[in-house]
Amino acid sequence: MLFDMRTKMKITSTTKQKKICKEKRVLVLGAGNILLKDEGVGVHVVREMQRRNMPDCVSLVDAGTAGLDALLSAERARKLVVIDALRAGGKPGTVYRLRLKAEQKDELIRIFGGKETSRMSLHQVGLVEALSIADRMQYAPKEIVIIGVEPEEVNYGLELTNSVRRKILKIINTVLEEIEDAVHER
């Protein structure tokens, strides 16, 4: 088995990879508004990942603020990884990871769909709605991973703050772990 040092991914034979990828699609959705500094972290991460080699079964989607549309347009992903700014009261740049199985969708609604809107972005409401619709249409992902990043500043500007920008590689490596878990899961 080969290992791609640039992407930190194991490389399997093309035939084997295509079979695995047919069954285990992964959608990586970068959400956020790039006009509001750290609010756009998900989009910045996905754009950086688009410069790397990814297995065929991985779809990288710059969803911006269109969480609902992006998720509904996705091919039946087995695993959904969402990267977004998330205010949880931690130090700016803190990276959070929340893993949920499809049957735990109610937990996602409790966390992101409640009245505590200070913890979430407007497009996360669209994500919860999209997951409910996908579930009703029988193509919701079996696993959902939210990778949240504590923003330092959500204000007009195109650049990430230093505390969030310094975490981009850590966020990418966290996403790559999730991809590898999905692709190599038995």
Protein backbone atom coordinates (compact mmCIF):
# COMPACT_ATOMS: atom_id res chain seq x y z
CA MET A 1 0.00 0.00 0.00
CA LEU A 2 1.32 3.45 -0.91
CA PHE A 3 0.96 6.62 1.13
CA ASP A 4 0.62 10.07 -0.46
CA MET A 5 2.70 12.35 1.76
CA ARG A 6 1.06 15.51 0.43
CA THR A 7 -2.50 14.46 1.22
CA LYS A 8 -1.65 12.02 4.02
CA MET A 9 -3.97 9.46 2.37
CA LYS A 10 -3.32 5.79 1.70
CA ILE A 11 -3.38 5.03 -2.01
CA THR A 12 -5.09 1.80 -3.02
CA SER A 13 -5.34 0.26 -6.45
CA THR A 14 -7.74 2.11 -8.75
CA THR A 15 -10.08 -0.88 -9.11
CA LYS A 16 -10.27 -1.45 -5.37
CA GLN A 17 -10.71 2.27 -4.72
CA LYS A 18 -13.59 2.54 -7.21
CA LYS A 19 -15.41 -0.39 -5.55
CA ILE A 20 -14.92 1.11 -2.09
CA CYS A 21 -15.91 4.57 -3.31
CA LYS A 22 -19.10 3.33 -4.94
CA GLU A 23 -20.32 2.14 -1.52
CA LYS A 24 -18.79 4.73 0.79
CA ARG A 25 -19.21 8.23 -0.61
CA VAL A 26 -18.10 11.13 1.57
CA LEU A 27 -19.42 14.66 1.18
CA VAL A 28 -17.24 17.38 2.70
CA LEU A 29 -19.27 20.56 2.89
CA GLY A 30 -17.54 23.87 3.66
CA ALA A 31 -20.14 26.28 4.99
CA GLY A 32 -19.87 29.95 5.85
CA ASN A 33 -19.86 33.48 4.57
CA ILE A 34 -16.42 34.49 3.31
CA LEU A 35 -17.41 38.18 3.52
CA LEU A 36 -17.45 37.93 7.34
CA LYS A 37 -13.86 36.93 8.20
CA ASP A 38 -13.85 33.79 10.40
CA GLU A 39 -17.46 32.98 9.49
CA GLY A 40 -16.06 31.74 6.15
CA VAL A 41 -13.63 29.20 7.62
CA GLY A 42 -15.47 26.19 6.13
CA VAL A 43 -15.26 27.63 2.63
CA HIS A 44 -11.56 28.47 3.05
CA VAL A 45 -10.81 24.90 4.20
CA VAL A 46 -12.67 23.27 1.31
CA ARG A 47 -10.98 25.57 -1.21
CA GLU A 48 -7.58 24.57 0.20
CA MET A 49 -8.55 20.88 0.07
CA GLN A 50 -9.61 21.23 -3.59
CA ARG A 51 -5.93 21.79 -4.40
CA ARG A 52 -5.10 18.27 -3.13
CA ASN A 53 -5.68 14.81 -4.57
CA MET A 54 -8.73 13.18 -3.05
CA PRO A 55 -10.20 9.72 -3.62
CA ASP A 56 -12.97 9.60 -6.23
CA CYS A 57 -15.54 8.92 -3.53
CA VAL A 58 -14.94 12.29 -1.86
CA SER A 59 -16.95 15.31 -2.97
CA LEU A 60 -15.67 18.68 -1.77
CA VAL A 61 -18.42 21.30 -1.86
CA ASP A 62 -18.00 25.01 -1.29
CA ALA A 63 -21.48 25.49 0.09
CA GLY A 64 -21.09 29.08 1.21
CA THR A 65 -24.34 29.94 2.95
CA ALA A 66 -26.45 27.52 0.86
CA GLY A 67 -26.36 24.52 3.19
CA LEU A 68 -29.80 23.25 2.17
CA ASP A 69 -29.19 23.43 -1.57
CA ALA A 70 -25.71 21.92 -1.35
CA LEU A 71 -26.82 18.95 0.70
CA LEU A 72 -29.89 18.21 -1.39
CA SER A 73 -27.85 18.31 -4.59
CA ALA A 74 -25.31 15.81 -3.26
CA GLU A 75 -25.27 12.23 -4.43
CA ARG A 76 -26.25 9.85 -1.66
CA ALA A 77 -23.28 10.34 0.66
CA ARG A 78 -22.67 7.72 3.31
CA LYS A 79 -20.84 10.26 5.44
CA LEU A 80 -21.31 14.01 5.64
CA VAL A 81 -18.53 16.21 7.05
CA VAL A 82 -19.53 19.84 7.62
CA ILE A 83 -16.89 22.47 8.38
CA ASP A 84 -18.18 25.74 9.80
CA ALA A 85 -17.63 28.48 12.35
CA LEU A 86 -19.16 27.52 15.69
CA ARG A 87 -19.42 29.73 18.74
CA ALA A 88 -19.20 27.48 21.78
CA GLY A 89 -17.38 29.80 24.18
CA GLY A 90 -13.87 28.44 23.64
CA LYS A 91 -10.64 30.18 22.73
CA PRO A 92 -10.63 31.55 19.14
CA GLY A 93 -9.30 28.89 16.79
CA THR A 94 -10.47 25.98 18.95
CA VAL A 95 -11.48 23.07 16.71
CA TYR A 96 -14.52 21.02 17.77
CA ARG A 97 -15.61 17.67 16.36
CA LEU A 98 -19.07 16.19 16.81
CA ARG A 99 -19.87 12.76 15.35
CA LEU A 100 -23.44 11.59 14.99
CA LYS A 101 -25.07 8.58 13.41
CA ALA A 102 -28.18 9.07 11.28
CA GLU A 103 -30.42 7.92 14.11
CA GLN A 104 -29.00 10.71 16.30
CA LYS A 105 -30.35 13.43 13.98
CA ASP A 106 -32.50 14.70 16.85
CA GLU A 107 -29.31 15.49 18.76
CA LEU A 108 -28.12 17.62 15.85
CA ILE A 109 -31.44 19.46 15.84
CA ARG A 110 -31.15 19.99 19.61
CA ILE A 111 -27.65 21.44 19.24
CA PHE A 112 -28.09 23.52 16.08
CA GLY A 113 -31.83 23.99 15.74
CA GLY A 114 -32.65 25.34 19.17
CA LYS A 115 -33.25 28.88 20.32
CA GLU A 116 -29.59 29.52 21.16
CA THR A 117 -28.85 31.15 17.83
CA SER A 118 -25.70 32.78 19.16
CA ARG A 119 -24.06 29.35 18.82
CA MET A 120 -24.89 28.90 15.17
CA SER A 121 -24.88 30.51 11.77
CA LEU A 122 -28.01 31.04 9.72
CA HIS A 123 -26.92 28.43 7.16
CA GLN A 124 -26.79 25.76 9.90
CA VAL A 125 -30.57 26.00 10.18
CA GLY A 126 -30.61 25.11 6.47
CA LEU A 127 -28.40 22.10 7.22
CA VAL A 128 -30.81 20.76 9.85
CA GLU A 129 -33.73 21.24 7.47
CA ALA A 130 -31.81 19.58 4.64
CA LEU A 131 -30.98 16.56 6.80
CA SER A 132 -34.65 16.20 7.76
CA ILE A 133 -35.70 16.34 4.10
CA ALA A 134 -32.94 13.90 3.08
CA ASP A 135 -34.06 11.55 5.84
CA ARG A 136 -37.66 11.64 4.59
CA MET A 137 -36.43 10.98 1.05
CA GLN A 138 -34.40 8.00 2.33
CA TYR A 139 -30.98 9.31 1.35
CA ALA A 140 -29.69 10.92 4.51
CA PRO A 141 -26.04 10.16 5.29
CA LYS A 142 -25.47 7.34 7.77
CA GLU A 143 -22.92 9.42 9.65
CA ILE A 144 -22.67 13.17 10.18
CA VAL A 145 -19.54 14.91 11.43
CA ILE A 146 -19.56 18.58 12.34
CA ILE A 147 -16.14 20.20 12.52
CA GLY A 148 -16.67 23.56 14.16
CA VAL A 149 -14.09 26.27 14.59
CA GLU A 150 -14.39 28.95 17.27
CA PRO A 151 -14.29 32.28 15.42
CA GLU A 152 -12.37 35.25 16.76
CA GLU A 153 -14.08 37.85 14.63
CA VAL A 154 -17.25 37.76 12.55
CA ASN A 155 -17.19 41.14 10.91
CA TYR A 156 -16.82 42.50 7.39
CA GLY A 157 -13.58 41.34 5.80
CA LEU A 158 -12.33 38.64 3.44
CA GLU A 159 -9.38 37.36 5.49
CA LEU A 160 -9.42 34.89 8.35
CA THR A 161 -7.97 36.11 11.65
CA ASN A 162 -4.54 34.76 12.61
CA SER A 163 -5.96 32.51 15.35
CA VAL A 164 -8.25 30.74 12.85
CA ARG A 165 -5.88 30.82 9.86
CA ARG A 166 -3.19 29.04 11.95
CA LYS A 167 -5.64 26.13 12.45
CA ILE A 168 -6.33 25.45 8.75
CA LEU A 169 -3.86 22.55 8.55
CA LYS A 170 -5.24 21.02 11.76
CA ILE A 171 -8.78 21.29 10.37
CA ILE A 172 -7.73 19.69 7.07
CA ASN A 173 -6.03 16.83 8.93
CA THR A 174 -9.19 16.31 10.99
CA VAL A 175 -11.24 16.10 7.78
CA LEU A 176 -8.69 13.69 6.26
CA GLU A 177 -9.05 11.44 9.34
CA GLU A 178 -12.80 11.36 8.78
CA ILE A 179 -12.35 10.55 5.08
CA GLU A 180 -9.89 7.78 5.86
CA ASP A 181 -12.22 6.35 8.51
CA ALA A 182 -15.06 6.22 5.97
CA VAL A 183 -13.03 4.82 3.08
CA HIS A 184 -11.23 2.17 5.11
CA GLU A 185 -14.15 1.22 7.37
CA ARG A 186 -15.04 -2.45 7.15
